[in-house]
Amino acid sequence: MKPVEYLKSIKTELKHVSWPTKKQAMAFSVIVVVISVATSLYLGFFDFIFSKILEFFVL
């Protein structure tokens, strides 16, 4: 397949994509940020706890 044909087929396929609205994209972005922050806090909490436990046994 030639590069020009390939690019034309990509353009055709992109017309079939169901793109999210601006409101949906913003909502999904907020969800991703909230879940990322919650996960980092969760993991940070356990990292802190386990490091204190390890520090207790090592020192």
C-alpha atoms as a PDB file:
ATOM      1  CA  MET A   1       0.000   0.000   0.000  1.00  0.00           C
ATOM      2  CA  LYS A   2       1.338   3.395  -0.930  1.00  0.00           C
ATOM      3  CA  PRO A   3       1.667   6.083   1.770  1.00  0.00           C
ATOM      4  CA  VAL A   4      -0.923   8.339   0.103  1.00  0.00           C
ATOM      5  CA  GLU A   5      -3.476   5.514  -0.045  1.00  0.00           C
ATOM      6  CA  TYR A   6      -2.740   4.681   3.569  1.00  0.00           C
ATOM      7  CA  LEU A   7      -3.364   8.278   4.676  1.00  0.00           C
ATOM      8  CA  LYS A   8      -6.619   8.400   2.700  1.00  0.00           C
ATOM      9  CA  SER A   9      -7.806   5.203   4.383  1.00  0.00           C
ATOM     10  CA  ILE A  10      -6.945   6.672   7.778  1.00  0.00           C
ATOM     11  CA  LYS A  11      -8.995   9.778   6.976  1.00  0.00           C
ATOM     12  CA  THR A  12     -11.937   7.585   5.944  1.00  0.00           C
ATOM     13  CA  GLU A  13     -11.731   5.499   9.126  1.00  0.00           C
ATOM     14  CA  LEU A  14     -11.552   8.593  11.339  1.00  0.00           C
ATOM     15  CA  LYS A  15     -14.913   9.689   9.960  1.00  0.00           C
ATOM     16  CA  HIS A  16     -16.431   6.545  11.520  1.00  0.00           C
ATOM     17  CA  VAL A  17     -15.046   7.305  14.983  1.00  0.00           C
ATOM     18  CA  SER A  18     -17.529   8.406  17.615  1.00  0.00           C
ATOM     19  CA  TRP A  19     -15.735  11.364  19.187  1.00  0.00           C
ATOM     20  CA  PRO A  20     -16.715  12.491  22.715  1.00  0.00           C
ATOM     21  CA  THR A  21     -18.286  15.886  23.213  1.00  0.00           C
ATOM     22  CA  LYS A  22     -16.340  18.615  24.980  1.00  0.00           C
ATOM     23  CA  LYS A  23     -18.440  18.043  28.113  1.00  0.00           C
ATOM     24  CA  GLN A  24     -17.723  14.295  28.075  1.00  0.00           C
ATOM     25  CA  ALA A  25     -14.004  14.849  27.516  1.00  0.00           C
ATOM     26  CA  MET A  26     -13.848  17.257  30.463  1.00  0.00           C
ATOM     27  CA  ALA A  27     -15.795  14.857  32.700  1.00  0.00           C
ATOM     28  CA  PHE A  28     -13.536  11.923  31.797  1.00  0.00           C
ATOM     29  CA  SER A  29     -10.446  14.065  32.386  1.00  0.00           C
ATOM     30  CA  VAL A  30     -11.697  15.070  35.839  1.00  0.00           C
ATOM     31  CA  ILE A  31     -12.409  11.420  36.662  1.00  0.00           C
ATOM     32  CA  VAL A  32      -8.889  10.413  35.617  1.00  0.00           C
ATOM     33  CA  VAL A  33      -7.305  13.175  37.719  1.00  0.00           C
ATOM     34  CA  VAL A  34      -9.433  12.341  40.783  1.00  0.00           C
ATOM     35  CA  ILE A  35      -8.675   8.620  40.550  1.00  0.00           C
ATOM     36  CA  SER A  36      -4.962   9.353  40.041  1.00  0.00           C
ATOM     37  CA  VAL A  37      -4.818  11.614  43.102  1.00  0.00           C
ATOM     38  CA  ALA A  38      -6.784   9.114  45.206  1.00  0.00           C
ATOM     39  CA  THR A  39      -4.495   6.269  44.129  1.00  0.00           C
ATOM     40  CA  SER A  40      -1.361   8.279  44.885  1.00  0.00           C
ATOM     41  CA  LEU A  41      -2.669   9.195  48.337  1.00  0.00           C
ATOM     42  CA  TYR A  42      -3.617   5.569  49.022  1.00  0.00           C
ATOM     43  CA  LEU A  43      -0.216   4.248  47.941  1.00  0.00           C
ATOM     44  CA  GLY A  44       1.606   7.093  49.703  1.00  0.00           C
ATOM     45  CA  PHE A  45      -0.197   6.296  52.947  1.00  0.00           C
ATOM     46  CA  PHE A  46       0.813   2.634  52.845  1.00  0.00           C
ATOM     47  CA  ASP A  47       4.356   3.532  51.806  1.00  0.00           C
ATOM     48  CA  PHE A  48       4.587   5.800  54.848  1.00  0.00           C
ATOM     49  CA  ILE A  49       3.181   3.126  57.177  1.00  0.00           C
ATOM     50  CA  PHE A  50       5.442   0.364  55.856  1.00  0.00           C
ATOM     51  CA  SER A  51       8.515   2.594  55.955  1.00  0.00           C
ATOM     52  CA  LYS A  52       7.790   3.425  59.616  1.00  0.00           C
ATOM     53  CA  ILE A  53       7.363  -0.285  60.408  1.00  0.00           C
ATOM     54  CA  LEU A  54      10.602  -1.130  58.626  1.00  0.00           C
ATOM     55  CA  GLU A  55      12.362   1.751  60.356  1.00  0.00           C
ATOM     56  CA  PHE A  56      11.143   0.413  63.713  1.00  0.00           C
ATOM     57  CA  PHE A  57      12.638  -3.026  63.066  1.00  0.00           C
ATOM     58  CA  VAL A  58      15.893  -1.841  61.488  1.00  0.00           C
ATOM     59  CA  LEU A  59      16.837   0.905  63.955  1.00  0.00           C
END
